[in-house]
């Protein structure tokens, strides 16, 4: 959304650009950005990851979605269709906060979480 908005589906781009939806950025996604930046071939940014995430929150008028312990209840019940720990946490956060995930990841589509793409 921040670096390559053209990679979003038209539906996702439209939903994220309007004011009719509250849009959140998971704290978990911030951690994932940092870890991916640390592997030079995985994510290249022109600034430190923490600055990039904070700047994105401000420029795109996003709300931070913190990770809370209530998500553990969902994690215990989550089938293991997908082993990526970040994705599994994002699924649990979306379920806990009654949010829709914006993702092209078809592995996540197997879970009972609303998805926009």
N, C-alpha and C. Protein backbone atom coordinates (compact mmCIF):
# COMPACT_ATOMS: atom_id res chain seq x y z
N UNK A 1 0.83 -1.19 0.00
CA UNK A 1 0.00 0.00 0.00
C UNK A 1 0.87 1.26 0.00
N UNK A 2 1.96 1.24 0.74
CA UNK A 2 2.81 2.42 0.83
C UNK A 2 3.79 2.52 -0.33
N UNK A 3 4.48 1.44 -0.63
CA UNK A 3 5.52 1.47 -1.66
C UNK A 3 5.01 1.20 -3.06
N UNK A 4 4.01 0.33 -3.18
CA UNK A 4 3.54 -0.09 -4.50
C UNK A 4 2.02 -0.22 -4.53
N UNK A 5 1.30 0.90 -4.45
CA UNK A 5 -0.16 0.81 -4.45
C UNK A 5 -0.72 0.15 -5.71
N UNK A 6 0.03 0.19 -6.78
CA UNK A 6 -0.43 -0.43 -8.03
C UNK A 6 -0.51 -1.95 -7.91
N UNK A 7 0.13 -2.53 -6.91
CA UNK A 7 0.06 -3.98 -6.70
C UNK A 7 -1.22 -4.41 -6.00
N UNK A 8 -1.95 -3.46 -5.44
CA UNK A 8 -3.23 -3.78 -4.81
C UNK A 8 -4.26 -4.08 -5.89
N UNK A 9 -5.22 -4.93 -5.55
CA UNK A 9 -6.32 -5.16 -6.48
C UNK A 9 -7.12 -3.86 -6.59
N UNK A 10 -7.84 -3.66 -7.69
CA UNK A 10 -8.67 -2.45 -7.80
C UNK A 10 -9.67 -2.31 -6.64
N UNK A 11 -10.26 -3.42 -6.23
CA UNK A 11 -11.21 -3.40 -5.12
C UNK A 11 -10.53 -2.96 -3.81
N UNK A 12 -9.36 -3.52 -3.54
CA UNK A 12 -8.63 -3.16 -2.32
C UNK A 12 -8.18 -1.70 -2.38
N UNK A 13 -7.67 -1.27 -3.52
CA UNK A 13 -7.21 0.12 -3.66
C UNK A 13 -8.36 1.09 -3.42
N UNK A 14 -9.54 0.78 -3.97
CA UNK A 14 -10.70 1.64 -3.79
C UNK A 14 -11.14 1.69 -2.32
N UNK A 15 -11.19 0.54 -1.67
CA UNK A 15 -11.63 0.48 -0.28
C UNK A 15 -10.66 1.21 0.64
N UNK A 16 -9.37 1.12 0.36
CA UNK A 16 -8.37 1.75 1.22
C UNK A 16 -8.22 3.24 0.98
N UNK A 17 -8.64 3.70 -0.19
CA UNK A 17 -8.45 5.12 -0.51
C UNK A 17 -9.61 5.99 -0.04
N UNK A 18 -10.75 5.40 0.21
CA UNK A 18 -11.91 6.18 0.63
C UNK A 18 -11.92 6.43 2.12
N UNK A 19 -12.87 7.23 2.56
CA UNK A 19 -13.00 7.55 3.98
C UNK A 19 -14.11 6.75 4.67
N UNK A 20 -14.77 5.85 3.93
CA UNK A 20 -15.89 5.13 4.53
C UNK A 20 -15.48 3.96 5.41
N UNK A 21 -14.19 3.59 5.39
CA UNK A 21 -13.70 2.49 6.21
C UNK A 21 -12.58 2.97 7.13
N UNK A 22 -12.58 2.47 8.34
CA UNK A 22 -11.45 2.70 9.23
C UNK A 22 -10.38 1.68 8.86
N UNK A 23 -9.17 2.14 8.61
CA UNK A 23 -8.10 1.26 8.15
C UNK A 23 -7.03 1.17 9.23
N UNK A 24 -6.67 -0.07 9.56
CA UNK A 24 -5.71 -0.34 10.62
C UNK A 24 -4.43 -0.92 10.03
N UNK A 25 -3.34 -0.67 10.73
CA UNK A 25 -2.07 -1.34 10.45
C UNK A 25 -1.72 -2.11 11.71
N UNK A 26 -1.57 -3.40 11.56
CA UNK A 26 -1.23 -4.23 12.71
C UNK A 26 0.19 -3.95 13.16
N UNK A 27 0.37 -3.91 14.47
CA UNK A 27 1.72 -3.79 15.02
C UNK A 27 2.58 -4.95 14.53
N UNK A 28 1.96 -6.09 14.30
CA UNK A 28 2.67 -7.26 13.79
C UNK A 28 3.24 -6.98 12.40
N UNK A 29 2.52 -6.25 11.59
CA UNK A 29 3.01 -5.89 10.26
C UNK A 29 4.24 -4.99 10.34
N UNK A 30 4.26 -4.12 11.34
CA UNK A 30 5.45 -3.29 11.56
C UNK A 30 6.66 -4.14 11.87
N UNK A 31 6.48 -5.14 12.72
CA UNK A 31 7.59 -6.06 13.04
C UNK A 31 8.04 -6.80 11.78
N UNK A 32 7.07 -7.22 10.97
CA UNK A 32 7.39 -7.96 9.76
C UNK A 32 8.17 -7.09 8.77
N UNK A 33 7.81 -5.82 8.67
CA UNK A 33 8.56 -4.89 7.81
C UNK A 33 10.01 -4.81 8.26
N UNK A 34 10.21 -4.66 9.57
CA UNK A 34 11.57 -4.57 10.10
C UNK A 34 12.37 -5.84 9.79
N UNK A 35 11.79 -6.99 10.03
CA UNK A 35 12.51 -8.25 9.78
C UNK A 35 12.81 -8.44 8.30
N UNK A 36 11.88 -8.05 7.46
CA UNK A 36 12.11 -8.19 6.01
C UNK A 36 13.16 -7.19 5.53
N UNK A 37 13.22 -6.02 6.14
CA UNK A 37 14.24 -5.04 5.77
C UNK A 37 15.63 -5.54 6.17
N UNK A 38 15.71 -6.26 7.25
CA UNK A 38 17.01 -6.76 7.70
C UNK A 38 17.61 -7.77 6.72
N UNK A 39 16.78 -8.36 5.90
CA UNK A 39 17.26 -9.24 4.82
C UNK A 39 17.23 -8.41 3.55
N UNK A 40 18.37 -7.89 3.14
CA UNK A 40 18.49 -6.91 2.07
C UNK A 40 17.77 -7.31 0.79
N UNK A 41 17.71 -8.57 0.47
CA UNK A 41 17.07 -8.99 -0.77
C UNK A 41 15.55 -9.11 -0.64
N UNK A 42 15.03 -8.98 0.56
CA UNK A 42 13.61 -9.20 0.79
C UNK A 42 12.78 -7.92 0.73
N UNK A 43 13.31 -6.84 1.31
CA UNK A 43 12.59 -5.56 1.30
C UNK A 43 13.61 -4.43 1.37
N UNK A 44 13.59 -3.59 0.38
CA UNK A 44 14.51 -2.46 0.33
C UNK A 44 13.73 -1.17 0.61
N UNK A 45 14.15 -0.46 1.64
CA UNK A 45 13.52 0.81 2.00
C UNK A 45 14.59 1.90 2.01
N UNK A 46 14.17 3.14 1.80
CA UNK A 46 15.09 4.27 1.80
C UNK A 46 15.30 4.85 3.19
N UNK A 47 14.71 4.22 4.21
CA UNK A 47 14.80 4.73 5.58
C UNK A 47 14.69 3.55 6.54
N UNK A 48 15.00 3.75 7.80
CA UNK A 48 14.83 2.68 8.78
C UNK A 48 13.36 2.22 8.83
N UNK A 49 13.17 0.94 9.09
CA UNK A 49 11.82 0.36 9.09
C UNK A 49 10.87 1.06 10.05
N UNK A 50 11.33 1.37 11.25
CA UNK A 50 10.46 2.03 12.24
C UNK A 50 9.98 3.38 11.71
N UNK A 51 10.88 4.12 11.08
CA UNK A 51 10.51 5.42 10.51
C UNK A 51 9.51 5.23 9.36
N UNK A 52 9.75 4.23 8.52
CA UNK A 52 8.86 3.93 7.40
C UNK A 52 7.45 3.62 7.88
N UNK A 53 7.35 2.79 8.92
CA UNK A 53 6.04 2.41 9.45
C UNK A 53 5.35 3.62 10.06
N UNK A 54 6.05 4.38 10.87
CA UNK A 54 5.45 5.57 11.50
C UNK A 54 5.01 6.59 10.45
N UNK A 55 5.84 6.79 9.44
CA UNK A 55 5.51 7.73 8.36
C UNK A 55 4.27 7.23 7.61
N UNK A 56 4.20 5.92 7.35
CA UNK A 56 3.04 5.36 6.67
C UNK A 56 1.76 5.52 7.47
N UNK A 57 1.84 5.31 8.78
CA UNK A 57 0.67 5.51 9.64
C UNK A 57 0.14 6.93 9.51
N UNK A 58 1.06 7.88 9.53
CA UNK A 58 0.68 9.29 9.47
C UNK A 58 0.17 9.68 8.08
N UNK A 59 0.94 9.37 7.04
CA UNK A 59 0.59 9.81 5.68
C UNK A 59 -0.69 9.16 5.16
N UNK A 60 -0.92 7.92 5.55
CA UNK A 60 -2.10 7.22 5.05
C UNK A 60 -3.26 7.24 6.04
N UNK A 61 -3.08 7.97 7.13
CA UNK A 61 -4.11 8.14 8.15
C UNK A 61 -4.63 6.78 8.65
N UNK A 62 -3.69 5.92 9.03
CA UNK A 62 -4.02 4.58 9.53
C UNK A 62 -4.04 4.58 11.05
N UNK A 63 -4.81 3.68 11.60
CA UNK A 63 -4.83 3.46 13.04
C UNK A 63 -3.96 2.24 13.33
N UNK A 64 -3.22 2.28 14.41
CA UNK A 64 -2.43 1.12 14.81
C UNK A 64 -3.34 0.11 15.50
N UNK A 65 -3.19 -1.16 15.11
CA UNK A 65 -3.91 -2.24 15.76
C UNK A 65 -2.92 -3.03 16.59
N UNK A 66 -2.94 -2.84 17.92
CA UNK A 66 -1.97 -3.56 18.77
C UNK A 66 -2.32 -5.04 18.87
N UNK A 67 -1.34 -5.82 19.20
CA UNK A 67 -1.56 -7.24 19.46
C UNK A 67 -1.93 -7.40 20.92
N UNK A 68 -3.04 -8.06 21.18
CA UNK A 68 -3.44 -8.26 22.57
C UNK A 68 -3.61 -9.75 22.86
N UNK A 69 -3.65 -10.07 24.13
CA UNK A 69 -3.70 -11.47 24.55
C UNK A 69 -5.02 -12.14 24.20
N UNK A 70 -6.06 -11.38 23.90
CA UNK A 70 -7.33 -11.96 23.48
C UNK A 70 -7.19 -12.76 22.20
N UNK A 71 -6.18 -12.45 21.42
CA UNK A 71 -5.94 -13.17 20.17
C UNK A 71 -5.53 -14.62 20.40
N UNK A 72 -4.99 -14.91 21.58
CA UNK A 72 -4.58 -16.28 21.89
C UNK A 72 -5.75 -17.26 21.81
N UNK A 73 -6.92 -16.80 22.19
CA UNK A 73 -8.11 -17.65 22.14
C UNK A 73 -8.34 -18.16 20.71
N UNK A 74 -8.14 -17.28 19.74
CA UNK A 74 -8.33 -17.66 18.34
C UNK A 74 -7.18 -18.55 17.86
N UNK A 75 -5.98 -18.25 18.30
CA UNK A 75 -4.82 -19.03 17.86
C UNK A 75 -4.93 -20.48 18.28
N UNK A 76 -5.46 -20.71 19.48
CA UNK A 76 -5.63 -22.08 19.97
C UNK A 76 -6.54 -22.91 19.06
N UNK A 77 -7.52 -22.24 18.44
CA UNK A 77 -8.53 -22.93 17.64
C UNK A 77 -8.23 -22.90 16.14
N UNK A 78 -7.19 -22.19 15.77
CA UNK A 78 -6.90 -21.99 14.35
C UNK A 78 -6.30 -23.26 13.73
N UNK A 79 -6.92 -23.80 12.68
CA UNK A 79 -6.32 -24.95 12.01
C UNK A 79 -4.97 -24.57 11.40
N UNK A 80 -4.13 -25.54 11.20
CA UNK A 80 -2.80 -25.26 10.66
C UNK A 80 -2.81 -25.48 9.15
N UNK A 81 -3.49 -24.59 8.45
CA UNK A 81 -3.45 -24.59 6.99
C UNK A 81 -2.22 -23.85 6.50
N UNK A 82 -1.78 -22.93 7.32
CA UNK A 82 -0.75 -21.98 6.93
C UNK A 82 0.22 -21.87 8.10
N UNK A 83 1.51 -22.03 7.85
CA UNK A 83 2.48 -22.05 8.95
C UNK A 83 3.17 -20.71 9.21
N UNK A 84 2.96 -19.73 8.35
CA UNK A 84 3.61 -18.43 8.53
C UNK A 84 3.09 -17.81 9.83
N UNK A 85 3.96 -17.62 10.82
CA UNK A 85 3.48 -17.11 12.11
C UNK A 85 2.90 -15.70 12.02
N UNK A 86 3.45 -14.85 11.18
CA UNK A 86 2.90 -13.49 11.05
C UNK A 86 1.48 -13.55 10.49
N UNK A 87 1.28 -14.35 9.46
CA UNK A 87 -0.05 -14.46 8.87
C UNK A 87 -1.05 -15.04 9.87
N UNK A 88 -0.63 -16.02 10.63
CA UNK A 88 -1.52 -16.61 11.63
C UNK A 88 -1.90 -15.59 12.70
N UNK A 89 -0.96 -14.77 13.11
CA UNK A 89 -1.26 -13.72 14.09
C UNK A 89 -2.21 -12.69 13.49
N UNK A 90 -1.98 -12.30 12.24
CA UNK A 90 -2.86 -11.33 11.58
C UNK A 90 -4.29 -11.88 11.46
N UNK A 91 -4.42 -13.15 11.17
CA UNK A 91 -5.75 -13.78 11.11
C UNK A 91 -6.42 -13.68 12.47
N UNK A 92 -5.70 -14.01 13.53
CA UNK A 92 -6.26 -13.95 14.88
C UNK A 92 -6.63 -12.52 15.27
N UNK A 93 -5.80 -11.56 14.91
CA UNK A 93 -6.12 -10.16 15.19
C UNK A 93 -7.39 -9.74 14.47
N UNK A 94 -7.51 -10.12 13.22
CA UNK A 94 -8.70 -9.74 12.44
C UNK A 94 -9.95 -10.37 13.05
N UNK A 95 -9.86 -11.61 13.47
CA UNK A 95 -11.00 -12.26 14.10
C UNK A 95 -11.35 -11.58 15.42
N UNK A 96 -10.34 -11.27 16.22
CA UNK A 96 -10.55 -10.66 17.53
C UNK A 96 -11.14 -9.25 17.42
N UNK A 97 -10.68 -8.50 16.44
CA UNK A 97 -11.12 -7.11 16.28
C UNK A 97 -12.27 -6.96 15.28
N UNK A 98 -12.76 -8.07 14.75
CA UNK A 98 -13.84 -8.06 13.75
C UNK A 98 -13.46 -7.18 12.56
N UNK A 99 -12.26 -7.41 12.04
CA UNK A 99 -11.74 -6.65 10.91
C UNK A 99 -11.68 -7.54 9.67
N UNK A 100 -11.51 -6.91 8.53
CA UNK A 100 -11.30 -7.59 7.27
C UNK A 100 -9.83 -7.49 6.91
N UNK A 101 -9.22 -8.60 6.53
CA UNK A 101 -7.82 -8.58 6.09
C UNK A 101 -7.75 -8.21 4.62
N UNK A 102 -6.77 -7.40 4.28
CA UNK A 102 -6.50 -7.09 2.87
C UNK A 102 -5.26 -7.87 2.49
N UNK A 103 -5.47 -8.90 1.66
CA UNK A 103 -4.34 -9.77 1.31
C UNK A 103 -4.63 -10.54 0.03
N UNK A 104 -3.59 -10.74 -0.79
CA UNK A 104 -3.73 -11.61 -1.95
C UNK A 104 -3.38 -13.07 -1.62
N UNK A 105 -2.98 -13.34 -0.40
CA UNK A 105 -2.50 -14.66 -0.01
C UNK A 105 -3.64 -15.67 0.04
N UNK A 106 -3.67 -16.57 -0.95
CA UNK A 106 -4.77 -17.53 -1.03
C UNK A 106 -4.73 -18.57 0.08
N UNK A 107 -3.60 -18.77 0.74
CA UNK A 107 -3.56 -19.66 1.89
C UNK A 107 -4.45 -19.15 3.02
N UNK A 108 -4.55 -17.84 3.14
CA UNK A 108 -5.36 -17.24 4.20
C UNK A 108 -6.85 -17.39 3.90
N UNK A 109 -7.21 -17.55 2.64
CA UNK A 109 -8.61 -17.68 2.25
C UNK A 109 -9.26 -18.93 2.83
N UNK A 110 -8.48 -19.88 3.28
CA UNK A 110 -9.01 -21.11 3.87
C UNK A 110 -9.54 -20.90 5.28
N UNK A 111 -9.19 -19.78 5.89
CA UNK A 111 -9.59 -19.50 7.27
C UNK A 111 -10.91 -18.73 7.29
N UNK A 112 -11.63 -18.83 8.39
CA UNK A 112 -12.93 -18.13 8.51
C UNK A 112 -12.75 -16.67 8.91
N UNK A 113 -12.04 -15.93 8.08
CA UNK A 113 -11.80 -14.51 8.34
C UNK A 113 -12.18 -13.74 7.09
N UNK A 114 -12.85 -12.59 7.25
CA UNK A 114 -13.20 -11.80 6.07
C UNK A 114 -11.94 -11.30 5.36
N UNK A 115 -11.93 -11.42 4.04
CA UNK A 115 -10.78 -11.00 3.24
C UNK A 115 -11.25 -10.10 2.12
N UNK A 116 -10.48 -9.07 1.86
CA UNK A 116 -10.72 -8.17 0.74
C UNK A 116 -9.55 -8.27 -0.20
N UNK A 117 -9.82 -8.59 -1.43
CA UNK A 117 -8.79 -8.54 -2.47
C UNK A 117 -9.42 -8.42 -3.79
